[in-house]
């Protein structure tokens, strides 16, 4: 059943010129910056070339693993609990994960529909999981007796995953990590140490896909000599992607624990509970539905979603992480193409669904199933056809001036996470809910 959309289109067109009505609340994508400064050590064109795989990937696994995993009280325990360096570094004598524990991480990432991984090679605690010549405070020279980063690289490659290295510039263990702020000799020593370790990471593991800096306290980008450091990185790894946390614009921005779109490439990094590192008492786990909703929000606005796991000290993955990501993976088995091959989607206002798009096809991901009728307001295009994406079953619809109603649907939720309708339109789907307000004003409502 269909009705003419001519009157609807006329009202939408006239509504677009009106300015007397208060604007609607803004979504994430409405806050985009006006310009793209481009990376500091490359060009926008080269960035676009290097980032093609990353844009298609959309979904990645973050892994926080280190001495804090032994404590099981959050990755900031050393600072927040005021643990002295001499006491904290004794944890290195206990930290001895099971050999090749990272293989289970990579298998789970693949199961969940993720396409890349990023692992902490050195967190703020200063302990290095890689083989470095610059300190003995590293896994190969302590209880583990081996290069845990090399094991991670092998695991990621074996599952066909792209991989990256997280590296914290801030260092609570290094004697110059804080004094470098006011002591030039200490700054010189510490910056040489940091640059040297970044060089090792970019030299010793073959092709590296991502360098993910964190916390550039206590120095300015000039103090870190970030431009020179990143030029070195690009010489060693011409195809690498670098985030913005060395204090200068590079390839992508990194909103943390929130989804905040930008005109430049962006990646929202988030936890599955409230902790990055293993926290045995943290039981505030996100549901598979919440994780899929976050992934859809990132995809709609052309961002990436980097979702964290915090392995136990032996390298095993907490059971809730396995259960949640396995459920997400089952959903991705049916709908991954709508994530990895999605275009930017302007449609985004609904209390029960999110949206992705490919060409002129709008995909309605109903995570709160509304019953036998599903309605979308303000769609500006004519709907040509609709179907359930997973089964291909046709869906009847009625198009009215300010809404489209999809009717005759199953009354109970047919998918526990999100059911998807594929809606073919006569142009790129756009949404104008302001037209609803304008239309009601004209009608005296």
Protein backbone atom coordinates (compact mmCIF):
# COMPACT_ATOMS: atom_id res chain seq x y z
CA UNK A 1 0.00 0.00 0.00
CA UNK A 2 1.42 3.38 -0.98
CA UNK A 3 0.16 6.95 -1.22
CA UNK A 4 1.46 9.84 -3.29
CA UNK A 5 4.44 11.71 -1.86
CA UNK A 6 3.91 14.92 -3.89
CA UNK A 7 2.28 16.89 -1.08
CA UNK A 8 4.91 15.63 1.37
CA UNK A 9 7.73 16.80 -0.90
CA UNK A 10 6.16 20.23 -1.37
CA UNK A 11 5.87 20.73 2.37
CA UNK A 12 9.43 19.53 2.97
CA UNK A 13 10.75 21.94 0.35
CA UNK A 14 8.93 24.93 1.83
CA UNK A 15 9.97 23.96 5.35
CA UNK A 16 13.63 24.08 4.42
CA UNK A 17 13.53 27.86 3.95
CA UNK A 18 11.84 28.65 7.25
CA UNK A 19 13.92 29.97 10.14
CA UNK A 20 11.36 30.97 12.76
CA UNK A 21 11.25 27.62 14.54
CA UNK A 22 13.83 26.76 17.21
CA UNK A 23 16.42 24.25 15.95
CA UNK A 24 16.24 20.63 16.91
CA UNK A 25 18.79 19.25 19.38
CA UNK A 26 22.03 18.38 17.63
CA UNK A 27 23.45 14.91 17.18
CA UNK A 28 27.13 14.04 17.19
CA UNK A 29 27.63 14.59 13.47
CA UNK A 30 26.11 18.11 13.70
CA UNK A 31 29.14 19.29 15.72
CA UNK A 32 31.69 18.63 12.98
CA UNK A 33 34.57 21.13 12.69
CA UNK A 34 34.52 23.29 9.61
CA UNK A 35 37.96 22.41 8.29
CA UNK A 36 40.41 19.55 8.11
CA UNK A 37 43.96 20.65 9.01
CA UNK A 38 45.43 17.38 7.81
CA UNK A 39 48.25 15.47 9.47
CA UNK A 40 51.35 17.26 10.73
CA UNK A 41 53.88 14.94 9.09
CA UNK A 42 52.03 13.87 5.94
CA UNK A 43 49.37 15.15 3.53
CA UNK A 44 45.62 14.68 3.39
CA UNK A 45 46.01 12.79 0.11
CA UNK A 46 48.53 10.37 1.52
CA UNK A 47 46.42 9.98 4.67
CA UNK A 48 43.41 9.01 2.52
CA UNK A 49 45.50 6.38 0.74
CA UNK A 50 46.85 4.88 3.94
CA UNK A 51 43.50 4.89 5.73
CA UNK A 52 41.35 3.13 3.14
CA UNK A 53 41.52 -0.23 4.95
CA UNK A 54 40.84 1.46 8.32
CA UNK A 55 37.67 3.15 7.09
CA UNK A 56 36.37 -0.17 5.79
CA UNK A 57 37.32 -1.98 9.01
CA UNK A 58 35.16 0.16 11.37
CA UNK A 59 35.50 -2.24 14.32
CA UNK A 60 38.66 -3.06 16.28
CA UNK A 61 39.82 -4.64 19.54
CA UNK A 62 41.82 -2.68 22.13
CA UNK A 63 43.86 -4.76 24.58
CA UNK A 64 45.10 -3.35 27.91
CA UNK A 65 47.63 -5.74 29.44
CA UNK A 66 50.47 -5.11 31.89
CA UNK A 67 51.62 -5.36 35.49
CA UNK A 68 48.35 -3.76 36.62
CA UNK A 69 46.69 -6.98 35.43
CA UNK A 70 48.41 -8.77 38.34
CA UNK A 71 46.85 -6.36 40.84
CA UNK A 72 43.44 -6.58 39.20
CA UNK A 73 42.49 -3.14 40.51
CA UNK A 74 42.47 -0.97 37.38
CA UNK A 75 45.37 0.20 35.21
CA UNK A 76 45.78 3.46 37.19
CA UNK A 77 46.32 1.67 40.50
CA UNK A 78 49.98 2.70 40.77
CA UNK A 79 49.12 6.40 40.75
CA UNK A 80 45.68 6.39 42.33
CA UNK A 81 46.82 4.24 45.26
CA UNK A 82 50.18 6.02 45.58
CA UNK A 83 52.19 2.79 45.21
CA UNK A 84 55.95 3.53 45.37
CA UNK A 85 58.03 2.62 42.31
CA UNK A 86 60.19 0.22 44.33
CA UNK A 87 57.11 -1.66 45.51
CA UNK A 88 55.23 -1.63 42.21
CA UNK A 89 58.13 -2.87 40.09
CA UNK A 90 58.20 -6.11 42.10
CA UNK A 91 55.09 -7.09 40.15
CA UNK A 92 57.40 -7.75 37.18
CA UNK A 93 58.61 -10.84 39.06
CA UNK A 94 55.06 -12.22 39.09
CA UNK A 95 53.88 -11.24 35.64
CA UNK A 96 54.28 -14.39 33.52
CA UNK A 97 51.33 -14.93 31.15
CA UNK A 98 50.68 -18.30 29.56
CA UNK A 99 52.62 -18.71 26.28
CA UNK A 100 50.80 -17.33 23.25
CA UNK A 101 47.77 -16.16 25.22
CA UNK A 102 47.27 -13.55 22.50
CA UNK A 103 46.06 -16.22 20.08
CA UNK A 104 42.76 -16.38 22.00
CA UNK A 105 42.47 -12.58 21.81
CA UNK A 106 42.88 -12.59 18.04
CA UNK A 107 40.41 -15.48 17.59
CA UNK A 108 37.82 -13.65 19.68
CA UNK A 109 38.36 -10.44 17.73
CA UNK A 110 37.75 -12.29 14.48
CA UNK A 111 34.67 -14.01 15.92
CA UNK A 112 33.25 -10.62 16.93
CA UNK A 113 33.62 -9.24 13.40
CA UNK A 114 36.55 -6.99 14.27
CA UNK A 115 39.19 -6.26 11.62
CA UNK A 116 42.14 -4.91 13.61
CA UNK A 117 43.73 -4.91 17.06
CA UNK A 118 45.70 -2.42 19.17
CA UNK A 119 47.69 -3.64 22.20
CA UNK A 120 49.41 -1.75 25.00
CA UNK A 121 53.16 -2.16 24.52
CA UNK A 122 53.92 0.22 27.44
CA UNK A 123 51.27 1.78 29.62
CA UNK A 124 51.75 4.66 32.06
CA UNK A 125 53.34 2.26 34.57
CA UNK A 126 56.41 2.19 32.31
CA UNK A 127 56.70 -1.61 32.01
CA UNK A 128 57.45 -2.69 28.44
CA UNK A 129 55.92 -5.85 26.99
CA UNK A 130 58.42 -5.77 24.11
CA UNK A 131 62.12 -6.50 23.83
CA UNK A 132 63.96 -3.22 24.33
CA UNK A 133 67.63 -2.42 24.69
CA UNK A 134 66.89 0.75 26.63
CA UNK A 135 65.69 -0.73 29.95
CA UNK A 136 65.58 -3.99 31.89
CA UNK A 137 62.03 -3.15 32.95
CA UNK A 138 60.53 -5.27 30.21
CA UNK A 139 58.91 -8.68 29.84
CA UNK A 140 61.87 -10.48 28.18
CA UNK A 141 64.19 -9.52 31.07
CA UNK A 142 61.72 -10.22 33.88
CA UNK A 143 59.59 -13.20 34.91
CA UNK A 144 57.91 -13.70 31.53
CA UNK A 145 61.28 -14.15 29.83
CA UNK A 146 59.92 -13.50 26.36
CA UNK A 147 58.66 -10.78 24.01
CA UNK A 148 54.89 -10.54 24.55
CA UNK A 149 54.47 -8.04 21.74
CA UNK A 150 56.03 -10.52 19.30
CA UNK A 151 53.48 -13.11 20.44
CA UNK A 152 50.68 -10.62 19.91
CA UNK A 153 51.92 -9.76 16.41
CA UNK A 154 52.10 -13.45 15.50
CA UNK A 155 48.57 -14.01 16.81
CA UNK A 156 47.07 -11.07 14.92
CA UNK A 157 48.72 -12.06 11.66
CA UNK A 158 47.59 -15.68 12.02
CA UNK A 159 43.95 -14.53 12.10
CA UNK A 160 44.36 -12.05 9.25
CA UNK A 161 44.00 -9.05 11.56
CA UNK A 162 45.64 -5.68 11.05
CA UNK A 163 47.47 -4.64 14.21
CA UNK A 164 48.78 -1.63 16.03
CA UNK A 165 50.87 -0.65 19.04
CA UNK A 166 49.63 1.50 21.91
CA UNK A 167 52.50 3.40 23.53
CA UNK A 168 52.20 5.75 26.50
CA UNK A 169 54.44 8.80 26.42
CA UNK A 170 53.81 9.40 30.11
CA UNK A 171 55.92 7.09 32.29
CA UNK A 172 55.56 6.78 36.06
CA UNK A 173 58.58 4.47 36.40
CA UNK A 174 61.30 6.31 34.49
CA UNK A 175 63.32 8.62 36.80
CA UNK A 176 63.03 11.48 34.29
CA UNK A 177 59.34 10.89 33.54
CA UNK A 178 58.20 13.78 35.76
CA UNK A 179 61.34 15.85 36.33
CA UNK A 180 61.69 16.38 32.57
CA UNK A 181 59.03 19.05 32.95
CA UNK A 182 61.44 21.52 34.57
CA UNK A 183 64.88 20.05 33.93
CA UNK A 184 66.31 20.31 30.42
CA UNK A 185 68.94 17.61 30.94
CA UNK A 186 66.20 15.25 32.18
CA UNK A 187 64.00 16.20 29.22
CA UNK A 188 66.80 15.38 26.79
CA UNK A 189 67.40 11.97 28.38
CA UNK A 190 63.72 11.12 28.58
CA UNK A 191 62.85 12.23 25.04
CA UNK A 192 65.79 10.22 23.68
CA UNK A 193 64.49 7.21 25.62
CA UNK A 194 60.95 7.61 24.27
CA UNK A 195 62.09 8.18 20.69
CA UNK A 196 64.40 5.19 20.98
CA UNK A 197 61.59 2.88 22.09
CA UNK A 198 59.26 4.15 19.37
CA UNK A 199 62.05 3.40 16.88
CA UNK A 200 62.34 -0.14 18.25
CA UNK A 201 58.62 -0.75 17.94
CA UNK A 202 58.65 0.49 14.35
CA UNK A 203 61.76 -1.51 13.42
CA UNK A 204 61.50 -4.95 15.03
CA UNK A 205 58.09 -6.38 14.03
CA UNK A 206 57.77 -5.96 10.28
CA UNK A 207 54.91 -3.91 8.90
CA UNK A 208 52.92 -2.13 11.65
CA UNK A 209 49.48 -0.73 10.82
CA UNK A 210 48.77 1.68 13.69
CA UNK A 211 50.78 3.65 16.26
CA UNK A 212 48.45 4.68 19.09
CA UNK A 213 50.12 7.18 21.43
CA UNK A 214 48.62 8.03 24.81
CA UNK A 215 48.96 10.81 27.45
CA UNK A 216 51.64 13.31 26.45
CA UNK A 217 52.07 14.70 30.01
CA UNK A 218 54.20 16.54 31.08
CA UNK A 219 55.65 18.05 27.90
CA UNK A 220 54.32 20.13 25.04
CA UNK A 221 54.51 18.71 21.50
CA UNK A 222 57.63 20.84 21.07
CA UNK A 223 59.11 19.34 24.24
CA UNK A 224 58.39 15.82 23.00
CA UNK A 225 59.75 16.80 19.57
CA UNK A 226 56.64 15.13 18.23
CA UNK A 227 57.08 16.23 14.62
CA UNK A 228 60.56 14.74 14.43
CA UNK A 229 59.40 11.59 16.23
CA UNK A 230 56.53 11.04 13.81
CA UNK A 231 58.65 11.81 10.76
CA UNK A 232 60.96 9.03 11.96
CA UNK A 233 57.96 6.71 12.34
CA UNK A 234 56.79 7.41 8.80
CA UNK A 235 60.26 6.80 7.40
CA UNK A 236 60.33 3.40 9.09
CA UNK A 237 56.66 2.56 8.41
CA UNK A 238 55.43 4.45 5.30
CA UNK A 239 51.89 3.04 5.49
CA UNK A 240 51.35 3.42 9.24
CA UNK A 241 48.43 5.33 10.81
CA UNK A 242 49.23 7.62 13.76
CA UNK A 243 46.71 9.01 16.22
CA UNK A 244 46.60 12.56 17.61
CA UNK A 245 47.84 11.94 21.16
CA UNK A 246 51.42 13.04 20.64
CA UNK A 247 49.85 16.51 20.72
CA UNK A 248 49.77 17.24 16.99
CA UNK A 249 47.19 16.43 14.30
CA UNK A 250 48.04 13.25 12.49
CA UNK A 251 45.76 10.66 10.92
CA UNK A 252 42.82 10.29 13.32
CA UNK A 253 41.34 11.68 16.52
CA UNK A 254 40.46 9.55 19.54
CA UNK A 255 37.38 10.44 21.60
CA UNK A 256 37.53 8.30 24.75
CA UNK A 257 34.48 6.68 26.36
CA UNK A 258 32.21 8.74 24.13
CA UNK A 259 31.09 8.87 20.52
CA UNK A 260 31.98 12.28 19.09
CA UNK A 261 32.06 12.61 15.33
CA UNK A 262 34.51 14.85 13.47
CA UNK A 263 35.19 15.96 9.92
CA UNK A 264 38.60 14.30 10.17
CA UNK A 265 38.93 10.51 10.62
CA UNK A 266 37.98 9.53 14.18
CA UNK A 267 37.87 6.47 16.38
CA UNK A 268 35.87 6.14 19.61
CA UNK A 269 37.73 3.96 22.11
CA UNK A 270 35.57 2.47 24.83
CA UNK A 271 35.62 -0.18 27.56
CA UNK A 272 33.29 -3.15 27.92
CA UNK A 273 32.85 -2.43 31.63
CA UNK A 274 34.27 0.64 33.43
CA UNK A 275 37.96 -0.39 33.35
CA UNK A 276 40.63 -0.65 30.69
CA UNK A 277 42.95 -3.04 32.52
CA UNK A 278 41.76 -6.15 34.32
CA UNK A 279 39.59 -5.15 37.30
CA UNK A 280 38.31 -8.26 39.02
CA UNK A 281 35.55 -6.42 40.91
CA UNK A 282 34.16 -4.44 37.96
CA UNK A 283 30.92 -6.15 36.95
CA UNK A 284 29.32 -3.22 35.11
CA UNK A 285 29.38 -4.90 31.70
CA UNK A 286 27.82 -3.43 28.58
CA UNK A 287 25.28 -5.67 26.89
CA UNK A 288 25.75 -6.95 23.32
CA UNK A 289 22.87 -4.68 22.33
CA UNK A 290 24.67 -1.61 23.73
CA UNK A 291 27.88 -2.52 21.94
CA UNK A 292 26.08 -2.97 18.62
CA UNK A 293 24.30 0.37 19.14
CA UNK A 294 27.67 2.06 19.72
CA UNK A 295 29.09 0.40 16.62
CA UNK A 296 26.12 1.58 14.55
CA UNK A 297 26.48 5.14 15.83
CA UNK A 298 30.15 5.18 14.86
CA UNK A 299 29.43 3.65 11.45
CA UNK A 300 26.60 6.08 10.70
CA UNK A 301 28.96 9.03 11.12
CA UNK A 302 31.94 7.33 9.42
CA UNK A 303 33.95 6.71 12.58
CA UNK A 304 35.57 3.60 14.02
CA UNK A 305 34.83 1.76 17.26
CA UNK A 306 37.82 0.41 19.22
CA UNK A 307 36.42 -1.82 21.97
CA UNK A 308 38.63 -2.92 24.86
CA UNK A 309 39.32 -6.20 26.64
CA UNK A 310 41.43 -6.43 29.81
CA UNK A 311 42.98 -9.92 30.07
CA UNK A 312 43.72 -11.53 33.42
CA UNK A 313 47.41 -11.71 34.45
CA UNK A 314 47.77 -15.13 32.81
CA UNK A 315 46.49 -13.64 29.56
CA UNK A 316 43.10 -15.32 29.66
CA UNK A 317 40.05 -13.28 28.71
CA UNK A 318 37.38 -12.66 31.38
CA UNK A 319 34.29 -14.78 30.70
CA UNK A 320 31.88 -11.82 30.30
CA UNK A 321 34.07 -10.39 27.53
CA UNK A 322 33.95 -13.72 25.69
CA UNK A 323 30.20 -14.09 26.08
CA UNK A 324 29.43 -10.53 25.02
CA UNK A 325 31.72 -10.48 21.99
CA UNK A 326 30.52 -13.91 20.88
CA UNK A 327 26.94 -12.58 20.87
CA UNK A 328 28.05 -9.50 18.95
CA UNK A 329 29.78 -11.80 16.47
CA UNK A 330 26.59 -13.78 15.83
CA UNK A 331 24.83 -10.52 14.94
CA UNK A 332 27.76 -9.48 12.75
CA UNK A 333 27.54 -12.80 10.90
CA UNK A 334 24.31 -11.51 9.35
CA UNK A 335 24.95 -7.77 9.18
CA UNK A 336 28.70 -7.14 8.92
CA UNK A 337 28.41 -5.85 5.33
CA UNK A 338 26.24 -3.03 6.65
CA UNK A 339 29.16 -2.00 8.89
CA UNK A 340 32.24 -2.58 6.76
CA UNK A 341 30.75 -1.25 3.49
CA UNK A 342 28.69 1.65 4.82
CA UNK A 343 28.55 5.23 3.56
CA UNK A 344 28.01 8.26 5.78
CA UNK A 345 24.35 8.32 6.79
CA UNK A 346 22.54 11.61 7.44
CA UNK A 347 19.43 9.88 8.81
CA UNK A 348 19.77 9.47 12.56
CA UNK A 349 16.75 10.54 14.62
CA UNK A 350 14.84 7.72 16.28
CA UNK A 351 14.21 6.51 19.81
CA UNK A 352 14.21 2.84 18.85
CA UNK A 353 16.63 2.49 15.93
CA UNK A 354 19.89 3.59 14.38
CA UNK A 355 20.75 3.76 10.71
CA UNK A 356 23.43 2.91 8.20
CA UNK A 357 23.41 3.50 4.45
CA UNK A 358 24.85 2.12 1.25
CA UNK A 359 24.08 4.24 -1.80
CA UNK A 360 20.33 4.94 -1.87
CA UNK A 361 19.49 2.09 0.51
CA UNK A 362 18.73 3.00 4.11
CA UNK A 363 19.19 0.27 6.71
CA UNK A 364 17.03 0.66 9.80
CA UNK A 365 18.56 -1.20 12.75
CA UNK A 366 15.70 -1.54 15.24
CA UNK A 367 17.30 -2.39 18.58
CA UNK A 368 14.06 -1.64 20.48
CA UNK A 369 11.51 -3.52 18.41
CA UNK A 370 8.37 -1.33 18.19
CA UNK A 371 5.85 -4.05 17.33
CA UNK A 372 3.84 -4.53 14.14
CA UNK A 373 4.44 -0.96 12.91
CA UNK A 374 7.75 0.89 12.56
CA UNK A 375 7.68 4.60 11.66
CA UNK A 376 10.40 7.04 10.60
CA UNK A 377 9.71 10.78 10.54
CA UNK A 378 11.08 13.40 8.16
CA UNK A 379 12.42 11.11 5.41
CA UNK A 380 12.77 13.36 2.37
CA UNK A 381 12.94 10.72 -0.34
CA UNK A 382 10.31 8.50 -1.93
CA UNK A 383 10.48 4.92 -0.71
CA UNK A 384 10.56 2.45 -3.59
CA UNK A 385 10.61 -0.82 -1.65
CA UNK A 386 11.33 -2.31 1.75
CA UNK A 387 12.31 -5.74 3.02
CA UNK A 388 13.73 -7.54 6.02
CA UNK A 389 17.45 -7.59 5.31
CA UNK A 390 18.22 -11.03 6.76
CA UNK A 391 15.41 -12.92 5.03
CA UNK A 392 14.51 -10.76 2.01
CA UNK A 393 10.86 -10.85 3.06
CA UNK A 394 8.98 -7.84 1.57
CA UNK A 395 7.64 -5.26 4.00
CA UNK A 396 4.54 -3.20 3.28
CA UNK A 397 4.74 0.54 3.84
CA UNK A 398 2.61 3.68 3.75
CA UNK A 399 4.32 6.98 2.91
CA UNK A 400 2.67 10.12 4.25
CA UNK A 401 3.75 13.80 4.17
CA UNK A 402 6.02 13.59 7.21
CA UNK A 403 6.53 9.92 7.92
CA UNK A 404 6.89 6.46 6.48
CA UNK A 405 5.17 3.59 8.28
CA UNK A 406 6.31 0.03 7.77
CA UNK A 407 3.39 -2.20 8.66
CA UNK A 408 2.45 -5.85 9.13
CA UNK A 409 5.66 -6.63 10.99
CA UNK A 410 6.18 -9.41 13.50
CA UNK A 411 4.87 -8.14 16.85
CA UNK A 412 7.69 -9.55 18.99
CA UNK A 413 11.38 -8.80 18.51
CA UNK A 414 12.72 -11.29 15.96
CA UNK A 415 16.35 -10.60 16.94
CA UNK A 416 17.59 -10.01 20.52
CA UNK A 417 20.09 -7.32 19.45
CA UNK A 418 18.73 -5.47 16.41
CA UNK A 419 16.55 -6.43 13.45
CA UNK A 420 17.28 -4.66 10.16
CA UNK A 421 14.97 -3.31 7.47
CA UNK A 422 16.46 -2.45 4.07
CA UNK A 423 14.65 0.52 2.54
CA UNK A 424 15.33 1.45 -1.09
CA UNK A 425 14.83 5.16 -1.79
CA UNK A 426 14.77 7.24 -4.99
CA UNK A 427 17.86 9.16 -3.85
CA UNK A 428 20.35 9.33 -1.01
CA UNK A 429 18.25 9.07 2.18
CA UNK A 430 18.07 12.31 4.15
CA UNK A 431 15.97 13.30 7.13
CA UNK A 432 14.43 16.68 7.89
CA UNK A 433 12.42 16.62 11.09
CA UNK A 434 12.27 20.41 11.12
CA UNK A 435 9.76 20.00 8.30
CA UNK A 436 7.44 18.27 10.75
CA UNK A 437 7.45 21.32 13.03
CA UNK A 438 7.01 23.71 10.13
CA UNK A 439 4.18 21.65 8.70
CA UNK A 440 2.38 21.56 12.01
CA UNK A 441 2.72 25.32 12.36
CA UNK A 442 1.21 25.81 8.92
CA UNK A 443 -1.64 23.49 9.86
CA UNK A 444 -2.20 25.41 13.10
CA UNK A 445 -1.30 22.45 15.29
